[in-house]
Amino acid sequence: MSVAENEAIRVIEVKENPLLRRKEVKLRVDHFGKGTPRRNEIREYVAKLYNVPVDVVFVVKIKTEYGMNISTVTVHVYESRERALEIESEYIIIRNEGKKEEMGGNQ
């Protein structure tokens, strides 16, 4: 994620969850004059911040304050891709990685 002059990202909280082998990170994104940040931009930023591959980073929630350009973001950073796929809900994985090719139907 490219942090522009009118955009600031701060880590609010980091929790280590040894049972699930992940970090639970909360971010505050100030995006003045811009819309809510995209999940893929946040994933890339967090992956770079923690020096991990993008495929172990999952954005769980983005909550933008009403009438303001401030978002609170919840991100899970796993030790491995396999562990992430075991733990994260399917809809979270799809939201973060986009839809896979659908089977069946008219082609």
PDB file of N, CA and C in Angstrom:
ATOM      1  N   MET A   1       0.859  -1.174   0.000  1.00  0.00           N
ATOM      2  CA  MET A   1       0.000   0.000   0.000  1.00  0.00           C
ATOM      3  C   MET A   1       0.890   1.217   0.000  1.00  0.00           C
ATOM      4  N   SER A   2       0.639   2.085  -0.902  1.00  0.00           N
ATOM      5  CA  SER A   2       1.425   3.310  -0.921  1.00  0.00           C
ATOM      6  C   SER A   2       0.779   4.318   0.015  1.00  0.00           C
ATOM      7  N   VAL A   3       1.546   4.765   0.972  1.00  0.00           N
ATOM      8  CA  VAL A   3       1.035   5.728   1.937  1.00  0.00           C
ATOM      9  C   VAL A   3       1.302   7.119   1.387  1.00  0.00           C
ATOM     10  N   ALA A   4       0.237   7.783   0.978  1.00  0.00           N
ATOM     11  CA  ALA A   4       0.353   9.119   0.405  1.00  0.00           C
ATOM     12  C   ALA A   4       0.437  10.156   1.515  1.00  0.00           C
ATOM     13  N   GLU A   5       0.629  11.413   1.115  1.00  0.00           N
ATOM     14  CA  GLU A   5       0.706  12.502   2.091  1.00  0.00           C
ATOM     15  C   GLU A   5      -0.568  12.607   2.919  1.00  0.00           C
ATOM     16  N   ASN A   6      -1.698  12.317   2.292  1.00  0.00           N
ATOM     17  CA  ASN A   6      -2.981  12.462   2.983  1.00  0.00           C
ATOM     18  C   ASN A   6      -3.476  11.139   3.577  1.00  0.00           C
ATOM     19  N   GLU A   7      -2.562  10.202   3.805  1.00  0.00           N
ATOM     20  CA  GLU A   7      -2.937   8.896   4.310  1.00  0.00           C
ATOM     21  C   GLU A   7      -1.920   8.429   5.349  1.00  0.00           C
ATOM     22  N   ALA A   8      -2.397   8.007   6.506  1.00  0.00           N
ATOM     23  CA  ALA A   8      -1.501   7.543   7.563  1.00  0.00           C
ATOM     24  C   ALA A   8      -2.027   6.235   8.134  1.00  0.00           C
ATOM     25  N   ILE A   9      -1.114   5.316   8.419  1.00  0.00           N
ATOM     26  CA  ILE A   9      -1.483   4.028   8.997  1.00  0.00           C
ATOM     27  C   ILE A   9      -0.720   3.863  10.302  1.00  0.00           C
ATOM     28  N   ARG A  10      -1.473   3.531  11.360  1.00  0.00           N
ATOM     29  CA  ARG A  10      -0.851   3.301  12.670  1.00  0.00           C
ATOM     30  C   ARG A  10      -1.286   1.947  13.206  1.00  0.00           C
ATOM     31  N   VAL A  11      -0.348   1.250  13.816  1.00  0.00           N
ATOM     32  CA  VAL A  11      -0.677   0.002  14.500  1.00  0.00           C
ATOM     33  C   VAL A  11      -1.187   0.384  15.878  1.00  0.00           C
ATOM     34  N   ILE A  12      -2.421   0.006  16.178  1.00  0.00           N
ATOM     35  CA  ILE A  12      -3.035   0.333  17.461  1.00  0.00           C
ATOM     36  C   ILE A  12      -2.718  -0.747  18.493  1.00  0.00           C
ATOM     37  N   GLU A  13      -2.801  -2.005  18.058  1.00  0.00           N
ATOM     38  CA  GLU A  13      -2.665  -3.114  19.001  1.00  0.00           C
ATOM     39  C   GLU A  13      -2.176  -4.360  18.273  1.00  0.00           C
ATOM     40  N   VAL A  14      -1.312  -5.122  18.924  1.00  0.00           N
ATOM     41  CA  VAL A  14      -0.855  -6.407  18.401  1.00  0.00           C
ATOM     42  C   VAL A  14      -0.985  -7.434  19.518  1.00  0.00           C
ATOM     43  N   LYS A  15      -1.714  -8.503  19.235  1.00  0.00           N
ATOM     44  CA  LYS A  15      -1.853  -9.597  20.202  1.00  0.00           C
ATOM     45  C   LYS A  15      -1.261 -10.854  19.588  1.00  0.00           C
ATOM     46  N   GLU A  16      -0.434 -11.539  20.353  1.00  0.00           N
ATOM     47  CA  GLU A  16       0.073 -12.845  19.936  1.00  0.00           C
ATOM     48  C   GLU A  16      -0.944 -13.885  20.386  1.00  0.00           C
ATOM     49  N   ASN A  17      -1.349 -14.765  19.483  1.00  0.00           N
ATOM     50  CA  ASN A  17      -2.269 -15.839  19.824  1.00  0.00           C
ATOM     51  C   ASN A  17      -1.544 -17.162  19.565  1.00  0.00           C
ATOM     52  N   PRO A  18      -0.839 -17.687  20.578  1.00  0.00           N
ATOM     53  CA  PRO A  18      -0.040 -18.893  20.365  1.00  0.00           C
ATOM     54  C   PRO A  18      -0.880 -20.134  20.054  1.00  0.00           C
ATOM     55  N   LEU A  19      -2.094 -20.197  20.565  1.00  0.00           N
ATOM     56  CA  LEU A  19      -2.950 -21.348  20.308  1.00  0.00           C
ATOM     57  C   LEU A  19      -3.272 -21.470  18.815  1.00  0.00           C
ATOM     58  N   LEU A  20      -3.587 -20.352  18.187  1.00  0.00           N
ATOM     59  CA  LEU A  20      -3.916 -20.350  16.757  1.00  0.00           C
ATOM     60  C   LEU A  20      -2.708 -20.038  15.883  1.00  0.00           C
ATOM     61  N   ARG A  21      -1.568 -19.792  16.511  1.00  0.00           N
ATOM     62  CA  ARG A  21      -0.307 -19.472  15.821  1.00  0.00           C
ATOM     63  C   ARG A  21      -0.492 -18.315  14.835  1.00  0.00           C
ATOM     64  N   ARG A  22      -0.943 -17.188  15.396  1.00  0.00           N
ATOM     65  CA  ARG A  22      -1.126 -15.992  14.582  1.00  0.00           C
ATOM     66  C   ARG A  22      -0.972 -14.739  15.430  1.00  0.00           C
ATOM     67  N   LYS A  23      -0.763 -13.616  14.733  1.00  0.00           N
ATOM     68  CA  LYS A  23      -0.804 -12.292  15.349  1.00  0.00           C
ATOM     69  C   LYS A  23      -2.137 -11.679  14.966  1.00  0.00           C
ATOM     70  N   GLU A  24      -2.768 -11.020  15.930  1.00  0.00           N
ATOM     71  CA  GLU A  24      -4.013 -10.311  15.663  1.00  0.00           C
ATOM     72  C   GLU A  24      -3.695  -8.825  15.765  1.00  0.00           C
ATOM     73  N   VAL A  25      -3.734  -8.146  14.631  1.00  0.00           N
ATOM     74  CA  VAL A  25      -3.273  -6.765  14.526  1.00  0.00           C
ATOM     75  C   VAL A  25      -4.456  -5.842  14.277  1.00  0.00           C
ATOM     76  N   LYS A  26      -4.498  -4.734  15.014  1.00  0.00           N
ATOM     77  CA  LYS A  26      -5.493  -3.686  14.762  1.00  0.00           C
ATOM     78  C   LYS A  26      -4.755  -2.465  14.245  1.00  0.00           C
ATOM     79  N   LEU A  27      -5.270  -1.906  13.157  1.00  0.00           N
ATOM     80  CA  LEU A  27      -4.682  -0.728  12.526  1.00  0.00           C
ATOM     81  C   LEU A  27      -5.693   0.399  12.498  1.00  0.00           C
ATOM     82  N   ARG A  28      -5.182   1.613  12.466  1.00  0.00           N
ATOM     83  CA  ARG A  28      -6.022   2.785  12.216  1.00  0.00           C
ATOM     84  C   ARG A  28      -5.492   3.417  10.936  1.00  0.00           C
ATOM     85  N   VAL A  29      -6.380   3.570   9.970  1.00  0.00           N
ATOM     86  CA  VAL A  29      -6.010   4.156   8.685  1.00  0.00           C
ATOM     87  C   VAL A  29      -6.744   5.479   8.535  1.00  0.00           C
ATOM     88  N   ASP A  30      -5.983   6.566   8.427  1.00  0.00           N
ATOM     89  CA  ASP A  30      -6.547   7.887   8.138  1.00  0.00           C
ATOM     90  C   ASP A  30      -6.413   8.091   6.633  1.00  0.00           C
ATOM     91  N   HIS A  31      -7.532   8.159   5.937  1.00  0.00           N
ATOM     92  CA  HIS A  31      -7.507   8.264   4.471  1.00  0.00           C
ATOM     93  C   HIS A  31      -8.296   9.492   4.027  1.00  0.00           C
ATOM     94  N   PHE A  32      -7.762  10.647   4.337  1.00  0.00           N
ATOM     95  CA  PHE A  32      -8.415  11.916   4.017  1.00  0.00           C
ATOM     96  C   PHE A  32      -8.506  12.115   2.514  1.00  0.00           C
ATOM     97  N   GLY A  33      -9.699  12.450   2.049  1.00  0.00           N
ATOM     98  CA  GLY A  33      -9.912  12.711   0.633  1.00  0.00           C
ATOM     99  C   GLY A  33      -9.955  11.459  -0.222  1.00  0.00           C
ATOM    100  N   LYS A  34      -9.955  10.288   0.400  1.00  0.00           N
ATOM    101  CA  LYS A  34      -9.983   9.026  -0.335  1.00  0.00           C
ATOM    102  C   LYS A  34     -11.055   8.129   0.267  1.00  0.00           C
ATOM    103  N   GLY A  35     -11.415   7.095  -0.462  1.00  0.00           N
ATOM    104  CA  GLY A  35     -12.391   6.134   0.040  1.00  0.00           C
ATOM    105  C   GLY A  35     -11.749   5.141   0.996  1.00  0.00           C
ATOM    106  N   THR A  36     -12.552   4.211   1.464  1.00  0.00           N
ATOM    107  CA  THR A  36     -12.062   3.155   2.345  1.00  0.00           C
ATOM    108  C   THR A  36     -10.966   2.370   1.623  1.00  0.00           C
ATOM    109  N   PRO A  37      -9.858   2.090   2.304  1.00  0.00           N
ATOM    110  CA  PRO A  37      -8.756   1.367   1.649  1.00  0.00           C
ATOM    111  C   PRO A  37      -9.172  -0.049   1.247  1.00  0.00           C
ATOM    112  N   ARG A  38      -8.573  -0.550   0.183  1.00  0.00           N
ATOM    113  CA  ARG A  38      -8.885  -1.892  -0.313  1.00  0.00           C
ATOM    114  C   ARG A  38      -8.155  -2.950   0.512  1.00  0.00           C
ATOM    115  N   ARG A  39      -8.771  -4.113   0.599  1.00  0.00           N
ATOM    116  CA  ARG A  39      -8.181  -5.217   1.367  1.00  0.00           C
ATOM    117  C   ARG A  39      -6.802  -5.596   0.846  1.00  0.00           C
ATOM    118  N   ASN A  40      -6.653  -5.676  -0.469  1.00  0.00           N
ATOM    119  CA  ASN A  40      -5.354  -6.093  -1.002  1.00  0.00           C
ATOM    120  C   ASN A  40      -4.257  -5.078  -0.680  1.00  0.00           C
ATOM    121  N   GLU A  41      -4.579  -3.796  -0.637  1.00  0.00           N
ATOM    122  CA  GLU A  41      -3.589  -2.778  -0.271  1.00  0.00           C
ATOM    123  C   GLU A  41      -3.166  -2.943   1.185  1.00  0.00           C
ATOM    124  N   ILE A  42      -4.135  -3.217   2.052  1.00  0.00           N
ATOM    125  CA  ILE A  42      -3.831  -3.408   3.472  1.00  0.00           C
ATOM    126  C   ILE A  42      -3.013  -4.678   3.663  1.00  0.00           C
ATOM    127  N   ARG A  43      -3.368  -5.749   2.959  1.00  0.00           N
ATOM    128  CA  ARG A  43      -2.607  -7.005   3.057  1.00  0.00           C
ATOM    129  C   ARG A  43      -1.155  -6.785   2.661  1.00  0.00           C
ATOM    130  N   GLU A  44      -0.931  -6.078   1.567  1.00  0.00           N
ATOM    131  CA  GLU A  44       0.437  -5.819   1.110  1.00  0.00           C
ATOM    132  C   GLU A  44       1.210  -4.988   2.125  1.00  0.00           C
ATOM    133  N   TYR A  45       0.561  -3.987   2.692  1.00  0.00           N
ATOM    134  CA  TYR A  45       1.211  -3.133   3.688  1.00  0.00           C
ATOM    135  C   TYR A  45       1.612  -3.942   4.925  1.00  0.00           C
ATOM    136  N   VAL A  46       0.690  -4.757   5.442  1.00  0.00           N
ATOM    137  CA  VAL A  46       0.966  -5.548   6.648  1.00  0.00           C
ATOM    138  C   VAL A  46       2.030  -6.610   6.363  1.00  0.00           C
ATOM    139  N   ALA A  47       1.979  -7.232   5.198  1.00  0.00           N
ATOM    140  CA  ALA A  47       2.991  -8.227   4.833  1.00  0.00           C
ATOM    141  C   ALA A  47       4.382  -7.597   4.822  1.00  0.00           C
ATOM    142  N   LYS A  48       4.473  -6.410   4.276  1.00  0.00           N
ATOM    143  CA  LYS A  48       5.754  -5.694   4.247  1.00  0.00           C
ATOM    144  C   LYS A  48       6.182  -5.295   5.662  1.00  0.00           C
ATOM    145  N   LEU A  49       5.230  -4.844   6.470  1.00  0.00           N
ATOM    146  CA  LEU A  49       5.507  -4.411   7.838  1.00  0.00           C
ATOM    147  C   LEU A  49       6.078  -5.551   8.687  1.00  0.00           C
ATOM    148  N   TYR A  50       5.516  -6.746   8.552  1.00  0.00           N
ATOM    149  CA  TYR A  50       5.949  -7.897   9.352  1.00  0.00           C
ATOM    150  C   TYR A  50       6.885  -8.833   8.594  1.00  0.00           C
ATOM    151  N   ASN A  51       7.254  -8.470   7.382  1.00  0.00           N
ATOM    152  CA  ASN A  51       8.197  -9.238   6.570  1.00  0.00           C
ATOM    153  C   ASN A  51       7.733 -10.692   6.400  1.00  0.00           C
ATOM    154  N   VAL A  52       6.481 -10.843   5.960  1.00  0.00           N
ATOM    155  CA  VAL A  52       5.890 -12.161   5.717  1.00  0.00           C
ATOM    156  C   VAL A  52       5.263 -12.162   4.324  1.00  0.00           C
ATOM    157  N   PRO A  53       5.007 -13.341   3.753  1.00  0.00           N
ATOM    158  CA  PRO A  53       4.326 -13.388   2.458  1.00  0.00           C
ATOM    159  C   PRO A  53       2.879 -12.893   2.580  1.00  0.00           C
ATOM    160  N   VAL A  54       2.368 -12.327   1.518  1.00  0.00           N
ATOM    161  CA  VAL A  54       1.001 -11.795   1.509  1.00  0.00           C
ATOM    162  C   VAL A  54      -0.028 -12.894   1.763  1.00  0.00           C
ATOM    163  N   ASP A  55       0.265 -14.126   1.341  1.00  0.00           N
ATOM    164  CA  ASP A  55      -0.734 -15.193   1.467  1.00  0.00           C
ATOM    165  C   ASP A  55      -0.949 -15.701   2.896  1.00  0.00           C
ATOM    166  N   VAL A  56      -0.232 -15.167   3.891  1.00  0.00           N
ATOM    167  CA  VAL A  56      -0.494 -15.523   5.297  1.00  0.00           C
ATOM    168  C   VAL A  56      -1.163 -14.376   6.047  1.00  0.00           C
ATOM    169  N   VAL A  57      -1.513 -13.308   5.320  1.00  0.00           N
ATOM    170  CA  VAL A  57      -2.145 -12.120   5.911  1.00  0.00           C
ATOM    171  C   VAL A  57      -3.602 -12.072   5.452  1.00  0.00           C
ATOM    172  N   PHE A  58      -4.519 -11.955   6.423  1.00  0.00           N
ATOM    173  CA  PHE A  58      -5.942 -11.910   6.103  1.00  0.00           C
ATOM    174  C   PHE A  58      -6.604 -10.739   6.814  1.00  0.00           C
ATOM    175  N   VAL A  59      -7.237  -9.869   6.019  1.00  0.00           N
ATOM    176  CA  VAL A  59      -7.990  -8.744   6.574  1.00  0.00           C
ATOM    177  C   VAL A  59      -9.355  -9.288   6.967  1.00  0.00           C
ATOM    178  N   VAL A  60      -9.660  -9.211   8.256  1.00  0.00           N
ATOM    179  CA  VAL A  60     -10.904  -9.770   8.771  1.00  0.00           C
ATOM    180  C   VAL A  60     -12.019  -8.734   8.728  1.00  0.00           C
ATOM    181  N   LYS A  61     -11.685  -7.485   9.063  1.00  0.00           N
ATOM    182  CA  LYS A  61     -12.728  -6.458   9.152  1.00  0.00           C
ATOM    183  C   LYS A  61     -12.143  -5.082   8.869  1.00  0.00           C
ATOM    184  N   ILE A  62     -12.911  -4.278   8.138  1.00  0.00           N
ATOM    185  CA  ILE A  62     -12.595  -2.864   7.936  1.00  0.00           C
ATOM    186  C   ILE A  62     -13.837  -2.087   8.344  1.00  0.00           C
ATOM    187  N   LYS A  63     -13.695  -1.239   9.340  1.00  0.00           N
ATOM    188  CA  LYS A  63     -14.832  -0.443   9.818  1.00  0.00           C
ATOM    189  C   LYS A  63     -14.481   1.028   9.659  1.00  0.00           C
ATOM    190  N   THR A  64     -15.213   1.708   8.787  1.00  0.00           N
ATOM    191  CA  THR A  64     -15.001   3.132   8.563  1.00  0.00           C
ATOM    192  C   THR A  64     -15.986   3.912   9.414  1.00  0.00           C
ATOM    193  N   GLU A  65     -15.475   4.883  10.140  1.00  0.00           N
ATOM    194  CA  GLU A  65     -16.322   5.722  10.989  1.00  0.00           C
ATOM    195  C   GLU A  65     -17.251   6.549  10.109  1.00  0.00           C
ATOM    196  N   TYR A  66     -18.508   6.629  10.485  1.00  0.00           N
ATOM    197  CA  TYR A  66     -19.510   7.352   9.716  1.00  0.00           C
ATOM    198  C   TYR A  66     -19.139   8.830   9.611  1.00  0.00           C
ATOM    199  N   GLY A  67     -19.109   9.322   8.377  1.00  0.00           N
ATOM    200  CA  GLY A  67     -18.842  10.734   8.134  1.00  0.00           C
ATOM    201  C   GLY A  67     -17.391  11.143   8.302  1.00  0.00           C
ATOM    202  N   MET A  68     -16.520  10.170   8.520  1.00  0.00           N
ATOM    203  CA  MET A  68     -15.104  10.485   8.714  1.00  0.00           C
ATOM    204  C   MET A  68     -14.273   9.636   7.764  1.00  0.00           C
ATOM    205  N   ASN A  69     -13.056  10.029   7.565  1.00  0.00           N
ATOM    206  CA  ASN A  69     -12.141   9.274   6.720  1.00  0.00           C
ATOM    207  C   ASN A  69     -11.148   8.511   7.583  1.00  0.00           C
ATOM    208  N   ILE A  70     -11.685   7.787   8.560  1.00  0.00           N
ATOM    209  CA  ILE A  70     -10.861   7.000   9.469  1.00  0.00           C
ATOM    210  C   ILE A  70     -11.432   5.589   9.512  1.00  0.00           C
ATOM    211  N   SER A  71     -10.570   4.600   9.293  1.00  0.00           N
ATOM    212  CA  SER A  71     -11.001   3.206   9.343  1.00  0.00           C
ATOM    213  C   SER A  71     -10.198   2.452  10.388  1.00  0.00           C
ATOM    214  N   THR A  72     -10.875   1.541  11.075  1.00  0.00           N
ATOM    215  CA  THR A  72     -10.212   0.614  11.981  1.00  0.00           C
ATOM    216  C   THR A  72     -10.206  -0.738  11.285  1.00  0.00           C
ATOM    217  N   VAL A  73      -9.028  -1.354  11.205  1.00  0.00           N
ATOM    218  CA  VAL A  73      -8.861  -2.588  10.445  1.00  0.00           C
ATOM    219  C   VAL A  73      -8.354  -3.693  11.373  1.00  0.00           C
ATOM    220  N   THR A  74      -8.960  -4.871  11.272  1.00  0.00           N
ATOM    221  CA  THR A  74      -8.502  -6.045  12.010  1.00  0.00           C
ATOM    222  C   THR A  74      -7.871  -7.012  11.017  1.00  0.00           C
ATOM    223  N   VAL A  75      -6.634  -7.423  11.309  1.00  0.00           N
ATOM    224  CA  VAL A  75      -5.865  -8.285  10.410  1.00  0.00           C
ATOM    225  C   VAL A  75      -5.314  -9.468  11.201  1.00  0.00           C
ATOM    226  N   HIS A  76      -5.332 -10.654  10.597  1.00  0.00           N
ATOM    227  CA  HIS A  76      -4.695 -11.830  11.183  1.00  0.00           C
ATOM    228  C   HIS A  76      -3.463 -12.175  10.351  1.00  0.00           C
ATOM    229  N   VAL A  77      -2.323 -12.359  11.021  1.00  0.00           N
ATOM    230  CA  VAL A  77      -1.069 -12.730  10.361  1.00  0.00           C
ATOM    231  C   VAL A  77      -0.671 -14.102  10.901  1.00  0.00           C
ATOM    232  N   TYR A  78      -0.699 -15.114  10.043  1.00  0.00           N
ATOM    233  CA  TYR A  78      -0.433 -16.492  10.449  1.00  0.00           C
ATOM    234  C   TYR A  78       1.026 -16.870  10.241  1.00  0.00           C
ATOM    235  N   GLU A  79       1.447 -17.935  10.941  1.00  0.00           N
ATOM    236  CA  GLU A  79       2.802 -18.463  10.776  1.00  0.00           C
ATOM    237  C   GLU A  79       2.954 -19.161   9.430  1.00  0.00           C
ATOM    238  N   SER A  80       1.871 -19.807   8.950  1.00  0.00           N
ATOM    239  CA  SER A  80       1.944 -20.523   7.676  1.00  0.00           C
ATOM    240  C   SER A  80       0.605 -20.442   6.943  1.00  0.00           C
ATOM    241  N   ARG A  81       0.671 -20.624   5.656  1.00  0.00           N
ATOM    242  CA  ARG A  81      -0.531 -20.609   4.817  1.00  0.00           C
ATOM    243  C   ARG A  81      -1.479 -21.754   5.201  1.00  0.00           C
ATOM    244  N   GLU A  82      -0.912 -22.922   5.457  1.00  0.00           N
ATOM    245  CA  GLU A  82      -1.719 -24.087   5.805  1.00  0.00           C
ATOM    246  C   GLU A  82      -2.533 -23.824   7.075  1.00  0.00           C
ATOM    247  N   ARG A  83      -1.893 -23.220   8.058  1.00  0.00           N
ATOM    248  CA  ARG A  83      -2.584 -22.918   9.318  1.00  0.00           C
ATOM    249  C   ARG A  83      -3.715 -21.915   9.075  1.00  0.00           C
ATOM    250  N   ALA A  84      -3.459 -20.929   8.242  1.00  0.00           N
ATOM    251  CA  ALA A  84      -4.479 -19.921   7.927  1.00  0.00           C
ATOM    252  C   ALA A  84      -5.705 -20.568   7.286  1.00  0.00           C
ATOM    253  N   LEU A  85      -5.481 -21.486   6.357  1.00  0.00           N
ATOM    254  CA  LEU A  85      -6.595 -22.140   5.675  1.00  0.00           C
ATOM    255  C   LEU A  85      -7.385 -23.051   6.610  1.00  0.00           C
ATOM    256  N   GLU A  86      -6.726 -23.586   7.644  1.00  0.00           N
ATOM    257  CA  GLU A  86      -7.424 -24.409   8.635  1.00  0.00           C
ATOM    258  C   GLU A  86      -8.324 -23.564   9.533  1.00  0.00           C
ATOM    259  N   ILE A  87      -7.881 -22.350   9.855  1.00  0.00           N
ATOM    260  CA  ILE A  87      -8.545 -21.530  10.865  1.00  0.00           C
ATOM    261  C   ILE A  87      -9.563 -20.551  10.274  1.00  0.00           C
ATOM    262  N   GLU A  88      -9.172 -19.796   9.261  1.00  0.00           N
ATOM    263  CA  GLU A  88     -10.031 -18.726   8.740  1.00  0.00           C
ATOM    264  C   GLU A  88     -11.275 -19.277   8.057  1.00  0.00           C
ATOM    265  N   SER A  89     -12.365 -18.554   8.180  1.00  0.00           N
ATOM    266  CA  SER A  89     -13.621 -18.911   7.516  1.00  0.00           C
ATOM    267  C   SER A  89     -13.460 -18.771   6.007  1.00  0.00           C
ATOM    268  N   GLU A  90     -14.217 -19.577   5.286  1.00  0.00           N
ATOM    269  CA  GLU A  90     -14.123 -19.576   3.826  1.00  0.00           C
ATOM    270  C   GLU A  90     -14.438 -18.201   3.241  1.00  0.00           C
ATOM    271  N   TYR A  91     -15.437 -17.516   3.797  1.00  0.00           N
ATOM    272  CA  TYR A  91     -15.808 -16.209   3.245  1.00  0.00           C
ATOM    273  C   TYR A  91     -14.696 -15.174   3.446  1.00  0.00           C
ATOM    274  N   ILE A  92     -13.923 -15.287   4.526  1.00  0.00           N
ATOM    275  CA  ILE A  92     -12.797 -14.375   4.748  1.00  0.00           C
ATOM    276  C   ILE A  92     -11.710 -14.643   3.710  1.00  0.00           C
ATOM    277  N   ILE A  93     -11.450 -15.907   3.441  1.00  0.00           N
ATOM    278  CA  ILE A  93     -10.436 -16.274   2.445  1.00  0.00           C
ATOM    279  C   ILE A  93     -10.848 -15.754   1.075  1.00  0.00           C
ATOM    280  N   ILE A  94     -12.120 -15.937   0.713  1.00  0.00           N
ATOM    281  CA  ILE A  94     -12.610 -15.466  -0.589  1.00  0.00           C
ATOM    282  C   ILE A  94     -12.527 -13.947  -0.680  1.00  0.00           C
ATOM    283  N   ARG A  95     -12.904 -13.235   0.376  1.00  0.00           N
ATOM    284  CA  ARG A  95     -12.829 -11.770   0.370  1.00  0.00           C
ATOM    285  C   ARG A  95     -11.404 -11.274   0.165  1.00  0.00           C
ATOM    286  N   ASN A  96     -10.447 -11.978   0.732  1.00  0.00           N
ATOM    287  CA  ASN A  96      -9.063 -11.539   0.659  1.00  0.00           C
ATOM    288  C   ASN A  96      -8.375 -11.935  -0.639  1.00  0.00           C
ATOM    289  N   GLU A  97      -8.768 -13.056  -1.207  1.00  0.00           N
ATOM    290  CA  GLU A  97      -8.062 -13.556  -2.384  1.00  0.00           C
ATOM    291  C   GLU A  97      -8.870 -13.446  -3.660  1.00  0.00           C
ATOM    292  N   GLY A  98     -10.109 -13.034  -3.580  1.00  0.00           N
ATOM    293  CA  GLY A  98     -10.948 -12.943  -4.763  1.00  0.00           C
ATOM    294  C   GLY A  98     -11.563 -14.291  -5.069  1.00  0.00           C
ATOM    295  N   LYS A  99     -12.533 -14.291  -5.960  1.00  0.00           N
ATOM    296  CA  LYS A  99     -13.232 -15.533  -6.290  1.00  0.00           C
ATOM    297  C   LYS A  99     -12.345 -16.419  -7.144  1.00  0.00           C
ATOM    298  N   LYS A 100     -12.422 -17.704  -6.873  1.00  0.00           N
ATOM    299  CA  LYS A 100     -11.745 -18.701  -7.699  1.00  0.00           C
ATOM    300  C   LYS A 100     -12.674 -19.011  -8.870  1.00  0.00           C
ATOM    301  N   GLU A 101     -12.146 -19.717  -9.860  1.00  0.00           N
ATOM    302  CA  GLU A 101     -12.985 -20.085 -10.994  1.00  0.00           C
ATOM    303  C   GLU A 101     -14.133 -20.946 -10.503  1.00  0.00           C
ATOM    304  N   GLU A 102     -15.332 -20.572 -10.902  1.00  0.00           N
ATOM    305  CA  GLU A 102     -16.503 -21.330 -10.484  1.00  0.00           C
ATOM    306  C   GLU A 102     -16.688 -22.521 -11.407  1.00  0.00           C
ATOM    307  N   MET A 103     -17.084 -23.628 -10.814  1.00  0.00           N
ATOM    308  CA  MET A 103     -17.293 -24.835 -11.599  1.00  0.00           C
ATOM    309  C   MET A 103     -18.760 -24.911 -12.008  1.00  0.00           C
ATOM    310  N   GLY A 104     -19.014 -25.529 -13.152  1.00  0.00           N
ATOM    311  CA  GLY A 104     -20.385 -25.714 -13.608  1.00  0.00           C
ATOM    312  C   GLY A 104     -20.935 -24.471 -14.274  1.00  0.00           C
ATOM    313  N   GLY A 105     -22.231 -24.515 -14.568  1.00  0.00           N
ATOM    314  CA  GLY A 105     -22.869 -23.367 -15.198  1.00  0.00           C
ATOM    315  C   GLY A 105     -22.565 -23.290 -16.681  1.00  0.00           C
ATOM    316  N   ASN A 106     -23.096 -22.286 -17.326  1.00  0.00           N
ATOM    317  CA  ASN A 106     -22.855 -22.079 -18.753  1.00  0.00           C
ATOM    318  C   ASN A 106     -21.490 -21.456 -18.959  1.00  0.00           C
ATOM    319  N   GLN A 107     -20.751 -22.041 -19.863  1.00  0.00           N
ATOM    320  CA  GLN A 107     -19.410 -21.505 -20.110  1.00  0.00           C
ATOM    321  C   GLN A 107     -19.233 -21.121 -21.540  1.00  0.00           C
TER     322      GLN A 107
END
